[in-house]
Amino acid sequence: MCLATAAAFTMVSRVWIVCVLLLLSLSSCRCAVITGACDRDMQCGVGLCCAVSLWLRGLRMCTPQGLEGDDCHPYSHKVPFPGKRQHHTCPCLPHLVCARYNDNRYRCTSDFKNIDF
């Protein structure tokens, strides 16, 4: 009985040592966790802006600029924006415009004929 307990203790000790060594090796490597969280547009890549998250209050995420048909905000058109964005949508891509449709929703469009001024 004593030999079985000693063997189990030795096995647990070895597993523990391996886990500690693994954790130490991970903490000494140069790595980053990329979550997409941001504070300002400058932290996001090309074609992205730092927009307010719809799911987590107070969190901003790097979000793609609006494509044709995407929802947009009519007063949000500058990228990069110098401050913190207050909207959950990014401005439209440069070749598109944010226009109001008949249903009173704003969407990115390249169809300049149907813009409701």
PDB file of N, CA and C in Angstrom:
ATOM      1  N   MET A   1       0.821  -1.188   0.000  1.00  0.00           N
ATOM      2  CA  MET A   1       0.000   0.000   0.000  1.00  0.00           C
ATOM      3  C   MET A   1       0.863   1.250   0.000  1.00  0.00           C
ATOM      4  N   CYS A   2       1.942   1.199   0.698  1.00  0.00           N
ATOM      5  CA  CYS A   2       2.840   2.342   0.793  1.00  0.00           C
ATOM      6  C   CYS A   2       3.521   2.622  -0.545  1.00  0.00           C
ATOM      7  N   LEU A   3       3.868   1.579  -1.291  1.00  0.00           N
ATOM      8  CA  LEU A   3       4.504   1.752  -2.592  1.00  0.00           C
ATOM      9  C   LEU A   3       3.546   2.388  -3.594  1.00  0.00           C
ATOM     10  N   ALA A   4       2.279   2.007  -3.546  1.00  0.00           N
ATOM     11  CA  ALA A   4       1.285   2.573  -4.458  1.00  0.00           C
ATOM     12  C   ALA A   4       1.084   4.059  -4.176  1.00  0.00           C
ATOM     13  N   THR A   5       1.049   4.433  -2.910  1.00  0.00           N
ATOM     14  CA  THR A   5       0.886   5.831  -2.537  1.00  0.00           C
ATOM     15  C   THR A   5       2.100   6.645  -2.963  1.00  0.00           C
ATOM     16  N   ALA A   6       3.286   6.101  -2.783  1.00  0.00           N
ATOM     17  CA  ALA A   6       4.516   6.793  -3.173  1.00  0.00           C
ATOM     18  C   ALA A   6       4.578   6.966  -4.694  1.00  0.00           C
ATOM     19  N   ALA A   7       4.158   5.958  -5.436  1.00  0.00           N
ATOM     20  CA  ALA A   7       4.162   6.036  -6.900  1.00  0.00           C
ATOM     21  C   ALA A   7       3.166   7.089  -7.387  1.00  0.00           C
ATOM     22  N   ALA A   8       1.990   7.128  -6.769  1.00  0.00           N
ATOM     23  CA  ALA A   8       0.981   8.123  -7.143  1.00  0.00           C
ATOM     24  C   ALA A   8       1.478   9.530  -6.832  1.00  0.00           C
ATOM     25  N   PHE A   9       2.136   9.685  -5.688  1.00  0.00           N
ATOM     26  CA  PHE A   9       2.671  10.986  -5.301  1.00  0.00           C
ATOM     27  C   PHE A   9       3.747  11.439  -6.286  1.00  0.00           C
ATOM     28  N   THR A  10       4.601  10.512  -6.700  1.00  0.00           N
ATOM     29  CA  THR A  10       5.659  10.823  -7.658  1.00  0.00           C
ATOM     30  C   THR A  10       5.057  11.234  -8.999  1.00  0.00           C
ATOM     31  N   MET A  11       4.034  10.549  -9.435  1.00  0.00           N
ATOM     32  CA  MET A  11       3.375  10.868 -10.709  1.00  0.00           C
ATOM     33  C   MET A  11       2.733  12.260 -10.656  1.00  0.00           C
ATOM     34  N   VAL A  12       2.041  12.561  -9.563  1.00  0.00           N
ATOM     35  CA  VAL A  12       1.410  13.871  -9.398  1.00  0.00           C
ATOM     36  C   VAL A  12       2.480  14.960  -9.363  1.00  0.00           C
ATOM     37  N   SER A  13       3.584  14.696  -8.700  1.00  0.00           N
ATOM     38  CA  SER A  13       4.682  15.663  -8.626  1.00  0.00           C
ATOM     39  C   SER A  13       5.249  15.946 -10.007  1.00  0.00           C
ATOM     40  N   ARG A  14       5.413  14.920 -10.812  1.00  0.00           N
ATOM     41  CA  ARG A  14       5.948  15.104 -12.164  1.00  0.00           C
ATOM     42  C   ARG A  14       4.991  15.926 -13.029  1.00  0.00           C
ATOM     43  N   VAL A  15       3.711  15.634 -12.941  1.00  0.00           N
ATOM     44  CA  VAL A  15       2.712  16.391 -13.701  1.00  0.00           C
ATOM     45  C   VAL A  15       2.726  17.853 -13.259  1.00  0.00           C
ATOM     46  N   TRP A  16       2.813  18.081 -11.973  1.00  0.00           N
ATOM     47  CA  TRP A  16       2.846  19.437 -11.427  1.00  0.00           C
ATOM     48  C   TRP A  16       4.068  20.201 -11.942  1.00  0.00           C
ATOM     49  N   ILE A  17       5.213  19.571 -11.934  1.00  0.00           N
ATOM     50  CA  ILE A  17       6.450  20.205 -12.395  1.00  0.00           C
ATOM     51  C   ILE A  17       6.355  20.534 -13.885  1.00  0.00           C
ATOM     52  N   VAL A  18       5.820  19.629 -14.683  1.00  0.00           N
ATOM     53  CA  VAL A  18       5.659  19.875 -16.117  1.00  0.00           C
ATOM     54  C   VAL A  18       4.721  21.063 -16.350  1.00  0.00           C
ATOM     55  N   CYS A  19       3.630  21.134 -15.600  1.00  0.00           N
ATOM     56  CA  CYS A  19       2.684  22.251 -15.747  1.00  0.00           C
ATOM     57  C   CYS A  19       3.339  23.581 -15.389  1.00  0.00           C
ATOM     58  N   VAL A  20       4.094  23.604 -14.310  1.00  0.00           N
ATOM     59  CA  VAL A  20       4.774  24.831 -13.896  1.00  0.00           C
ATOM     60  C   VAL A  20       5.789  25.262 -14.953  1.00  0.00           C
ATOM     61  N   LEU A  21       6.563  24.324 -15.469  1.00  0.00           N
ATOM     62  CA  LEU A  21       7.547  24.652 -16.503  1.00  0.00           C
ATOM     63  C   LEU A  21       6.870  25.166 -17.776  1.00  0.00           C
ATOM     64  N   LEU A  22       5.760  24.558 -18.130  1.00  0.00           N
ATOM     65  CA  LEU A  22       5.020  25.004 -19.307  1.00  0.00           C
ATOM     66  C   LEU A  22       4.508  26.434 -19.125  1.00  0.00           C
ATOM     67  N   LEU A  23       3.941  26.719 -17.974  1.00  0.00           N
ATOM     68  CA  LEU A  23       3.446  28.068 -17.703  1.00  0.00           C
ATOM     69  C   LEU A  23       4.579  29.090 -17.686  1.00  0.00           C
ATOM     70  N   LEU A  24       5.714  28.731 -17.116  1.00  0.00           N
ATOM     71  CA  LEU A  24       6.861  29.638 -17.099  1.00  0.00           C
ATOM     72  C   LEU A  24       7.382  29.906 -18.504  1.00  0.00           C
ATOM     73  N   SER A  25       7.383  28.892 -19.343  1.00  0.00           N
ATOM     74  CA  SER A  25       7.865  29.097 -20.712  1.00  0.00           C
ATOM     75  C   SER A  25       6.908  29.983 -21.506  1.00  0.00           C
ATOM     76  N   LEU A  26       5.614  29.881 -21.246  1.00  0.00           N
ATOM     77  CA  LEU A  26       4.644  30.735 -21.939  1.00  0.00           C
ATOM     78  C   LEU A  26       4.744  32.180 -21.482  1.00  0.00           C
ATOM     79  N   SER A  27       4.987  32.393 -20.202  1.00  0.00           N
ATOM     80  CA  SER A  27       5.040  33.761 -19.695  1.00  0.00           C
ATOM     81  C   SER A  27       6.294  34.494 -20.139  1.00  0.00           C
ATOM     82  N   SER A  28       7.327  33.777 -20.545  1.00  0.00           N
ATOM     83  CA  SER A  28       8.553  34.446 -20.967  1.00  0.00           C
ATOM     84  C   SER A  28       8.604  34.697 -22.475  1.00  0.00           C
ATOM     85  N   CYS A  29       7.640  34.186 -23.233  1.00  0.00           N
ATOM     86  CA  CYS A  29       7.660  34.406 -24.680  1.00  0.00           C
ATOM     87  C   CYS A  29       7.069  35.771 -25.012  1.00  0.00           C
ATOM     88  N   ARG A  30       7.452  36.295 -26.157  1.00  0.00           N
ATOM     89  CA  ARG A  30       6.921  37.572 -26.623  1.00  0.00           C
ATOM     90  C   ARG A  30       5.686  37.279 -27.468  1.00  0.00           C
ATOM     91  N   CYS A  31       4.528  37.489 -26.888  1.00  0.00           N
ATOM     92  CA  CYS A  31       3.298  37.194 -27.610  1.00  0.00           C
ATOM     93  C   CYS A  31       2.239  38.212 -27.219  1.00  0.00           C
ATOM     94  N   ALA A  32       1.168  38.259 -27.989  1.00  0.00           N
ATOM     95  CA  ALA A  32       0.078  39.184 -27.721  1.00  0.00           C
ATOM     96  C   ALA A  32      -1.248  38.478 -27.939  1.00  0.00           C
ATOM     97  N   VAL A  33      -2.242  38.907 -27.193  1.00  0.00           N
ATOM     98  CA  VAL A  33      -3.594  38.402 -27.374  1.00  0.00           C
ATOM     99  C   VAL A  33      -4.346  39.440 -28.193  1.00  0.00           C
ATOM    100  N   ILE A  34      -4.812  39.053 -29.360  1.00  0.00           N
ATOM    101  CA  ILE A  34      -5.520  39.981 -30.236  1.00  0.00           C
ATOM    102  C   ILE A  34      -7.014  39.748 -30.064  1.00  0.00           C
ATOM    103  N   THR A  35      -7.684  40.738 -29.507  1.00  0.00           N
ATOM    104  CA  THR A  35      -9.109  40.598 -29.239  1.00  0.00           C
ATOM    105  C   THR A  35      -9.955  41.479 -30.136  1.00  0.00           C
ATOM    106  N   GLY A  36      -9.356  42.504 -30.733  1.00  0.00           N
ATOM    107  CA  GLY A  36     -10.126  43.448 -31.531  1.00  0.00           C
ATOM    108  C   GLY A  36     -10.645  44.605 -30.715  1.00  0.00           C
ATOM    109  N   ALA A  37     -10.369  44.614 -29.410  1.00  0.00           N
ATOM    110  CA  ALA A  37     -10.793  45.727 -28.567  1.00  0.00           C
ATOM    111  C   ALA A  37      -9.917  46.939 -28.865  1.00  0.00           C
ATOM    112  N   CYS A  38     -10.493  48.133 -28.770  1.00  0.00           N
ATOM    113  CA  CYS A  38      -9.758  49.357 -29.089  1.00  0.00           C
ATOM    114  C   CYS A  38     -10.352  50.519 -28.306  1.00  0.00           C
ATOM    115  N   ASP A  39      -9.672  51.652 -28.372  1.00  0.00           N
ATOM    116  CA  ASP A  39     -10.177  52.900 -27.807  1.00  0.00           C
ATOM    117  C   ASP A  39     -10.402  53.951 -28.890  1.00  0.00           C
ATOM    118  N   ARG A  40      -9.533  53.926 -29.909  1.00  0.00           N
ATOM    119  CA  ARG A  40      -9.594  54.926 -30.969  1.00  0.00           C
ATOM    120  C   ARG A  40      -9.317  54.275 -32.325  1.00  0.00           C
ATOM    121  N   ASP A  41      -9.736  54.946 -33.387  1.00  0.00           N
ATOM    122  CA  ASP A  41      -9.573  54.429 -34.753  1.00  0.00           C
ATOM    123  C   ASP A  41      -8.127  54.092 -35.094  1.00  0.00           C
ATOM    124  N   MET A  42      -7.193  54.867 -34.589  1.00  0.00           N
ATOM    125  CA  MET A  42      -5.783  54.678 -34.937  1.00  0.00           C
ATOM    126  C   MET A  42      -5.261  53.304 -34.510  1.00  0.00           C
ATOM    127  N   GLN A  43      -5.939  52.638 -33.585  1.00  0.00           N
ATOM    128  CA  GLN A  43      -5.524  51.315 -33.122  1.00  0.00           C
ATOM    129  C   GLN A  43      -6.013  50.203 -34.043  1.00  0.00           C
ATOM    130  N   CYS A  44      -6.875  50.534 -34.971  1.00  0.00           N
ATOM    131  CA  CYS A  44      -7.426  49.542 -35.899  1.00  0.00           C
ATOM    132  C   CYS A  44      -6.699  49.635 -37.241  1.00  0.00           C
ATOM    133  N   GLY A  45      -6.841  48.631 -38.046  1.00  0.00           N
ATOM    134  CA  GLY A  45      -6.174  48.600 -39.347  1.00  0.00           C
ATOM    135  C   GLY A  45      -6.917  49.386 -40.412  1.00  0.00           C
ATOM    136  N   VAL A  46      -6.408  49.294 -41.622  1.00  0.00           N
ATOM    137  CA  VAL A  46      -7.009  49.971 -42.772  1.00  0.00           C
ATOM    138  C   VAL A  46      -8.391  49.372 -43.044  1.00  0.00           C
ATOM    139  N   GLY A  47      -9.365  50.220 -43.306  1.00  0.00           N
ATOM    140  CA  GLY A  47     -10.720  49.762 -43.596  1.00  0.00           C
ATOM    141  C   GLY A  47     -11.528  49.436 -42.354  1.00  0.00           C
ATOM    142  N   LEU A  48     -10.992  49.792 -41.173  1.00  0.00           N
ATOM    143  CA  LEU A  48     -11.677  49.530 -39.905  1.00  0.00           C
ATOM    144  C   LEU A  48     -11.798  50.817 -39.107  1.00  0.00           C
ATOM    145  N   CYS A  49     -12.762  50.846 -38.198  1.00  0.00           N
ATOM    146  CA  CYS A  49     -12.854  51.939 -37.240  1.00  0.00           C
ATOM    147  C   CYS A  49     -13.160  51.340 -35.876  1.00  0.00           C
ATOM    148  N   CYS A  50     -12.986  52.129 -34.842  1.00  0.00           N
ATOM    149  CA  CYS A  50     -13.210  51.676 -33.468  1.00  0.00           C
ATOM    150  C   CYS A  50     -14.633  52.060 -33.059  1.00  0.00           C
ATOM    151  N   ALA A  51     -15.578  51.145 -33.228  1.00  0.00           N
ATOM    152  CA  ALA A  51     -16.997  51.421 -32.980  1.00  0.00           C
ATOM    153  C   ALA A  51     -17.447  50.805 -31.659  1.00  0.00           C
ATOM    154  N   VAL A  52     -18.497  51.371 -31.094  1.00  0.00           N
ATOM    155  CA  VAL A  52     -19.070  50.877 -29.841  1.00  0.00           C
ATOM    156  C   VAL A  52     -19.678  49.496 -30.081  1.00  0.00           C
ATOM    157  N   SER A  53     -19.420  48.571 -29.179  1.00  0.00           N
ATOM    158  CA  SER A  53     -19.962  47.214 -29.291  1.00  0.00           C
ATOM    159  C   SER A  53     -21.458  47.211 -29.004  1.00  0.00           C
ATOM    160  N   LEU A  54     -22.195  46.417 -29.746  1.00  0.00           N
ATOM    161  CA  LEU A  54     -23.634  46.261 -29.494  1.00  0.00           C
ATOM    162  C   LEU A  54     -23.903  45.345 -28.308  1.00  0.00           C
ATOM    163  N   TRP A  55     -22.955  44.469 -27.988  1.00  0.00           N
ATOM    164  CA  TRP A  55     -23.190  43.429 -26.995  1.00  0.00           C
ATOM    165  C   TRP A  55     -22.664  43.773 -25.615  1.00  0.00           C
ATOM    166  N   LEU A  56     -21.534  44.466 -25.529  1.00  0.00           N
ATOM    167  CA  LEU A  56     -20.938  44.778 -24.233  1.00  0.00           C
ATOM    168  C   LEU A  56     -20.820  46.287 -24.062  1.00  0.00           C
ATOM    169  N   ARG A  57     -21.551  46.810 -23.122  1.00  0.00           N
ATOM    170  CA  ARG A  57     -21.555  48.244 -22.883  1.00  0.00           C
ATOM    171  C   ARG A  57     -20.167  48.724 -22.448  1.00  0.00           C
ATOM    172  N   GLY A  58     -19.724  49.804 -23.029  1.00  0.00           N
ATOM    173  CA  GLY A  58     -18.431  50.368 -22.680  1.00  0.00           C
ATOM    174  C   GLY A  58     -17.265  49.787 -23.451  1.00  0.00           C
ATOM    175  N   LEU A  59     -17.512  48.786 -24.263  1.00  0.00           N
ATOM    176  CA  LEU A  59     -16.448  48.164 -25.044  1.00  0.00           C
ATOM    177  C   LEU A  59     -16.506  48.673 -26.477  1.00  0.00           C
ATOM    178  N   ARG A  60     -15.350  48.966 -27.022  1.00  0.00           N
ATOM    179  CA  ARG A  60     -15.249  49.358 -28.428  1.00  0.00           C
ATOM    180  C   ARG A  60     -14.457  48.293 -29.163  1.00  0.00           C
ATOM    181  N   MET A  61     -14.885  47.996 -30.386  1.00  0.00           N
ATOM    182  CA  MET A  61     -14.262  46.939 -31.181  1.00  0.00           C
ATOM    183  C   MET A  61     -13.874  47.479 -32.555  1.00  0.00           C
ATOM    184  N   CYS A  62     -12.765  46.965 -33.091  1.00  0.00           N
ATOM    185  CA  CYS A  62     -12.389  47.292 -34.465  1.00  0.00           C
ATOM    186  C   CYS A  62     -13.427  46.662 -35.389  1.00  0.00           C
ATOM    187  N   THR A  63     -14.102  47.497 -36.159  1.00  0.00           N
ATOM    188  CA  THR A  63     -15.233  47.087 -36.989  1.00  0.00           C
ATOM    189  C   THR A  63     -14.985  47.523 -38.434  1.00  0.00           C
ATOM    190  N   PRO A  64     -15.355  46.691 -39.407  1.00  0.00           N
ATOM    191  CA  PRO A  64     -15.155  47.082 -40.816  1.00  0.00           C
ATOM    192  C   PRO A  64     -16.012  48.283 -41.205  1.00  0.00           C
ATOM    193  N   GLN A  65     -15.482  49.102 -42.105  1.00  0.00           N
ATOM    194  CA  GLN A  65     -16.265  50.208 -42.642  1.00  0.00           C
ATOM    195  C   GLN A  65     -17.431  49.644 -43.448  1.00  0.00           C
ATOM    196  N   GLY A  66     -18.497  50.453 -43.575  1.00  0.00           N
ATOM    197  CA  GLY A  66     -19.728  49.995 -44.194  1.00  0.00           C
ATOM    198  C   GLY A  66     -19.613  49.660 -45.669  1.00  0.00           C
ATOM    199  N   LEU A  67     -20.184  48.524 -46.035  1.00  0.00           N
ATOM    200  CA  LEU A  67     -20.291  48.102 -47.434  1.00  0.00           C
ATOM    201  C   LEU A  67     -21.649  48.529 -47.973  1.00  0.00           C
ATOM    202  N   GLU A  68     -21.857  48.347 -49.245  1.00  0.00           N
ATOM    203  CA  GLU A  68     -23.141  48.656 -49.884  1.00  0.00           C
ATOM    204  C   GLU A  68     -24.273  47.952 -49.138  1.00  0.00           C
ATOM    205  N   GLY A  69     -25.269  48.726 -48.675  1.00  0.00           N
ATOM    206  CA  GLY A  69     -26.425  48.171 -47.984  1.00  0.00           C
ATOM    207  C   GLY A  69     -26.286  48.088 -46.475  1.00  0.00           C
ATOM    208  N   ASP A  70     -25.094  48.311 -45.938  1.00  0.00           N
ATOM    209  CA  ASP A  70     -24.905  48.277 -44.481  1.00  0.00           C
ATOM    210  C   ASP A  70     -25.524  49.509 -43.837  1.00  0.00           C
ATOM    211  N   ASP A  71     -25.998  49.353 -42.595  1.00  0.00           N
ATOM    212  CA  ASP A  71     -26.493  50.497 -41.836  1.00  0.00           C
ATOM    213  C   ASP A  71     -25.346  51.464 -41.572  1.00  0.00           C
ATOM    214  N   CYS A  72     -25.672  52.754 -41.494  1.00  0.00           N
ATOM    215  CA  CYS A  72     -24.649  53.763 -41.227  1.00  0.00           C
ATOM    216  C   CYS A  72     -25.273  54.910 -40.438  1.00  0.00           C
ATOM    217  N   HIS A  73     -24.437  55.802 -39.967  1.00  0.00           N
ATOM    218  CA  HIS A  73     -24.894  56.996 -39.254  1.00  0.00           C
ATOM    219  C   HIS A  73     -24.518  58.209 -40.103  1.00  0.00           C
ATOM    220  N   PRO A  74     -25.466  59.106 -40.379  1.00  0.00           N
ATOM    221  CA  PRO A  74     -25.205  60.193 -41.330  1.00  0.00           C
ATOM    222  C   PRO A  74     -24.121  61.180 -40.893  1.00  0.00           C
ATOM    223  N   TYR A  75     -23.868  61.302 -39.603  1.00  0.00           N
ATOM    224  CA  TYR A  75     -22.877  62.275 -39.133  1.00  0.00           C
ATOM    225  C   TYR A  75     -21.552  61.629 -38.755  1.00  0.00           C
ATOM    226  N   SER A  76     -21.400  60.376 -39.079  1.00  0.00           N
ATOM    227  CA  SER A  76     -20.155  59.668 -38.791  1.00  0.00           C
ATOM    228  C   SER A  76     -19.486  59.343 -40.114  1.00  0.00           C
ATOM    229  N   HIS A  77     -18.565  60.189 -40.560  1.00  0.00           N
ATOM    230  CA  HIS A  77     -17.962  59.969 -41.872  1.00  0.00           C
ATOM    231  C   HIS A  77     -16.444  60.118 -41.879  1.00  0.00           C
ATOM    232  N   LYS A  78     -15.847  60.491 -40.770  1.00  0.00           N
ATOM    233  CA  LYS A  78     -14.411  60.735 -40.751  1.00  0.00           C
ATOM    234  C   LYS A  78     -13.651  59.524 -40.210  1.00  0.00           C
ATOM    235  N   VAL A  79     -12.677  59.046 -40.989  1.00  0.00           N
ATOM    236  CA  VAL A  79     -11.803  57.948 -40.563  1.00  0.00           C
ATOM    237  C   VAL A  79     -10.374  58.365 -40.874  1.00  0.00           C
ATOM    238  N   PRO A  80      -9.459  58.393 -39.936  1.00  0.00           N
ATOM    239  CA  PRO A  80      -9.689  58.090 -38.525  1.00  0.00           C
ATOM    240  C   PRO A  80     -10.322  59.277 -37.797  1.00  0.00           C
ATOM    241  N   PHE A  81     -11.200  58.956 -36.890  1.00  0.00           N
ATOM    242  CA  PHE A  81     -11.855  59.957 -36.057  1.00  0.00           C
ATOM    243  C   PHE A  81     -10.909  60.282 -34.901  1.00  0.00           C
ATOM    244  N   PRO A  82     -10.703  61.564 -34.577  1.00  0.00           N
ATOM    245  CA  PRO A  82      -9.715  61.912 -33.552  1.00  0.00           C
ATOM    246  C   PRO A  82     -10.117  61.535 -32.123  1.00  0.00           C
ATOM    247  N   GLY A  83     -11.411  61.436 -31.851  1.00  0.00           N
ATOM    248  CA  GLY A  83     -11.868  61.117 -30.497  1.00  0.00           C
ATOM    249  C   GLY A  83     -12.415  59.705 -30.406  1.00  0.00           C
ATOM    250  N   LYS A  84     -13.318  59.500 -29.443  1.00  0.00           N
ATOM    251  CA  LYS A  84     -13.967  58.195 -29.289  1.00  0.00           C
ATOM    252  C   LYS A  84     -15.310  58.223 -30.007  1.00  0.00           C
ATOM    253  N   ARG A  85     -15.543  57.227 -30.830  1.00  0.00           N
ATOM    254  CA  ARG A  85     -16.815  57.131 -31.557  1.00  0.00           C
ATOM    255  C   ARG A  85     -17.955  56.841 -30.586  1.00  0.00           C
ATOM    256  N   GLN A  86     -19.123  57.375 -30.909  1.00  0.00           N
ATOM    257  CA  GLN A  86     -20.307  57.176 -30.078  1.00  0.00           C
ATOM    258  C   GLN A  86     -21.323  56.242 -30.730  1.00  0.00           C
ATOM    259  N   HIS A  87     -20.999  55.715 -31.912  1.00  0.00           N
ATOM    260  CA  HIS A  87     -21.942  54.887 -32.661  1.00  0.00           C
ATOM    261  C   HIS A  87     -21.416  53.465 -32.807  1.00  0.00           C
ATOM    262  N   HIS A  88     -22.313  52.537 -33.063  1.00  0.00           N
ATOM    263  CA  HIS A  88     -21.920  51.131 -33.239  1.00  0.00           C
ATOM    264  C   HIS A  88     -21.592  50.797 -34.691  1.00  0.00           C
ATOM    265  N   THR A  89     -21.761  51.758 -35.581  1.00  0.00           N
ATOM    266  CA  THR A  89     -21.429  51.521 -36.990  1.00  0.00           C
ATOM    267  C   THR A  89     -20.246  52.388 -37.397  1.00  0.00           C
ATOM    268  N   CYS A  90     -19.508  51.902 -38.371  1.00  0.00           N
ATOM    269  CA  CYS A  90     -18.406  52.679 -38.943  1.00  0.00           C
ATOM    270  C   CYS A  90     -18.925  53.457 -40.141  1.00  0.00           C
ATOM    271  N   PRO A  91     -18.203  54.492 -40.540  1.00  0.00           N
ATOM    272  CA  PRO A  91     -18.580  55.188 -41.769  1.00  0.00           C
ATOM    273  C   PRO A  91     -18.504  54.246 -42.972  1.00  0.00           C
ATOM    274  N   CYS A  92     -19.170  54.633 -44.032  1.00  0.00           N
ATOM    275  CA  CYS A  92     -19.129  53.849 -45.271  1.00  0.00           C
ATOM    276  C   CYS A  92     -17.727  53.903 -45.871  1.00  0.00           C
ATOM    277  N   LEU A  93     -17.421  52.926 -46.706  1.00  0.00           N
ATOM    278  CA  LEU A  93     -16.163  52.950 -47.447  1.00  0.00           C
ATOM    279  C   LEU A  93     -16.104  54.226 -48.288  1.00  0.00           C
ATOM    280  N   PRO A  94     -14.899  54.699 -48.651  1.00  0.00           N
ATOM    281  CA  PRO A  94     -14.763  55.995 -49.340  1.00  0.00           C
ATOM    282  C   PRO A  94     -15.578  56.155 -50.624  1.00  0.00           C
ATOM    283  N   HIS A  95     -15.839  55.094 -51.365  1.00  0.00           N
ATOM    284  CA  HIS A  95     -16.589  55.228 -52.626  1.00  0.00           C
ATOM    285  C   HIS A  95     -18.104  55.178 -52.418  1.00  0.00           C
ATOM    286  N   LEU A  96     -18.546  55.110 -51.156  1.00  0.00           N
ATOM    287  CA  LEU A  96     -19.974  55.044 -50.837  1.00  0.00           C
ATOM    288  C   LEU A  96     -20.385  56.266 -50.024  1.00  0.00           C
ATOM    289  N   VAL A  97     -21.690  56.498 -49.963  1.00  0.00           N
ATOM    290  CA  VAL A  97     -22.232  57.598 -49.176  1.00  0.00           C
ATOM    291  C   VAL A  97     -23.325  57.046 -48.265  1.00  0.00           C
ATOM    292  N   CYS A  98     -23.490  57.661 -47.095  1.00  0.00           N
ATOM    293  CA  CYS A  98     -24.537  57.252 -46.155  1.00  0.00           C
ATOM    294  C   CYS A  98     -25.803  58.039 -46.496  1.00  0.00           C
ATOM    295  N   ALA A  99     -26.822  57.343 -46.970  1.00  0.00           N
ATOM    296  CA  ALA A  99     -28.043  58.005 -47.441  1.00  0.00           C
ATOM    297  C   ALA A  99     -29.269  57.438 -46.736  1.00  0.00           C
ATOM    298  N   ARG A 100     -30.279  58.303 -46.581  1.00  0.00           N
ATOM    299  CA  ARG A 100     -31.530  57.871 -45.967  1.00  0.00           C
ATOM    300  C   ARG A 100     -32.444  57.286 -47.032  1.00  0.00           C
ATOM    301  N   TYR A 101     -33.026  56.149 -46.723  1.00  0.00           N
ATOM    302  CA  TYR A 101     -33.953  55.484 -47.644  1.00  0.00           C
ATOM    303  C   TYR A 101     -35.395  55.796 -47.245  1.00  0.00           C
ATOM    304  N   ASN A 102     -36.339  55.346 -48.048  1.00  0.00           N
ATOM    305  CA  ASN A 102     -37.761  55.621 -47.808  1.00  0.00           C
ATOM    306  C   ASN A 102     -38.254  55.096 -46.466  1.00  0.00           C
ATOM    307  N   ASP A 103     -37.602  54.076 -45.929  1.00  0.00           N
ATOM    308  CA  ASP A 103     -38.012  53.524 -44.631  1.00  0.00           C
ATOM    309  C   ASP A 103     -37.365  54.280 -43.459  1.00  0.00           C
ATOM    310  N   ASN A 104     -36.761  55.448 -43.753  1.00  0.00           N
ATOM    311  CA  ASN A 104     -36.102  56.313 -42.770  1.00  0.00           C
ATOM    312  C   ASN A 104     -34.861  55.703 -42.127  1.00  0.00           C
ATOM    313  N   ARG A 105     -34.316  54.660 -42.709  1.00  0.00           N
ATOM    314  CA  ARG A 105     -33.062  54.077 -42.230  1.00  0.00           C
ATOM    315  C   ARG A 105     -31.931  54.574 -43.114  1.00  0.00           C
ATOM    316  N   TYR A 106     -30.777  54.740 -42.522  1.00  0.00           N
ATOM    317  CA  TYR A 106     -29.588  55.172 -43.262  1.00  0.00           C
ATOM    318  C   TYR A 106     -28.750  53.958 -43.620  1.00  0.00           C
ATOM    319  N   ARG A 107     -28.339  53.912 -44.899  1.00  0.00           N
ATOM    320  CA  ARG A 107     -27.525  52.798 -45.394  1.00  0.00           C
ATOM    321  C   ARG A 107     -26.458  53.322 -46.343  1.00  0.00           C
ATOM    322  N   CYS A 108     -25.372  52.563 -46.445  1.00  0.00           N
ATOM    323  CA  CYS A 108     -24.302  52.894 -47.389  1.00  0.00           C
ATOM    324  C   CYS A 108     -24.774  52.562 -48.805  1.00  0.00           C
ATOM    325  N   THR A 109     -24.534  53.483 -49.727  1.00  0.00           N
ATOM    326  CA  THR A 109     -24.957  53.256 -51.106  1.00  0.00           C
ATOM    327  C   THR A 109     -24.012  53.952 -52.086  1.00  0.00           C
ATOM    328  N   SER A 110     -23.980  53.425 -53.291  1.00  0.00           N
ATOM    329  CA  SER A 110     -23.256  54.093 -54.380  1.00  0.00           C
ATOM    330  C   SER A 110     -24.250  54.655 -55.391  1.00  0.00           C
ATOM    331  N   ASP A 111     -25.537  54.455 -55.119  1.00  0.00           N
ATOM    332  CA  ASP A 111     -26.607  54.915 -56.006  1.00  0.00           C
ATOM    333  C   ASP A 111     -26.963  56.357 -55.646  1.00  0.00           C
ATOM    334  N   PHE A 112     -26.282  57.300 -56.263  1.00  0.00           N
ATOM    335  CA  PHE A 112     -26.475  58.706 -55.926  1.00  0.00           C
ATOM    336  C   PHE A 112     -27.801  59.265 -56.437  1.00  0.00           C
ATOM    337  N   LYS A 113     -28.511  58.532 -57.290  1.00  0.00           N
ATOM    338  CA  LYS A 113     -29.795  59.008 -57.817  1.00  0.00           C
ATOM    339  C   LYS A 113     -30.893  58.930 -56.764  1.00  0.00           C
ATOM    340  N   ASN A 114     -30.819  57.957 -55.868  1.00  0.00           N
ATOM    341  CA  ASN A 114     -31.897  57.739 -54.904  1.00  0.00           C
ATOM    342  C   ASN A 114     -31.622  58.339 -53.532  1.00  0.00           C
ATOM    343  N   ILE A 115     -30.707  59.272 -53.459  1.00  0.00           N
ATOM    344  CA  ILE A 115     -30.408  59.892 -52.167  1.00  0.00           C
ATOM    345  C   ILE A 115     -31.522  60.872 -51.825  1.00  0.00           C
ATOM    346  N   ASP A 116     -32.039  60.775 -50.599  1.00  0.00           N
ATOM    347  CA  ASP A 116     -33.107  61.645 -50.127  1.00  0.00           C
ATOM    348  C   ASP A 116     -32.483  62.810 -49.357  1.00  0.00           C
ATOM    349  N   PHE A 117     -32.354  63.983 -50.033  1.00  0.00           N
ATOM    350  CA  PHE A 117     -31.754  65.150 -49.375  1.00  0.00           C
ATOM    351  C   PHE A 117     -32.810  65.834 -48.601  1.00  0.00           C
TER     352      PHE A 117
END
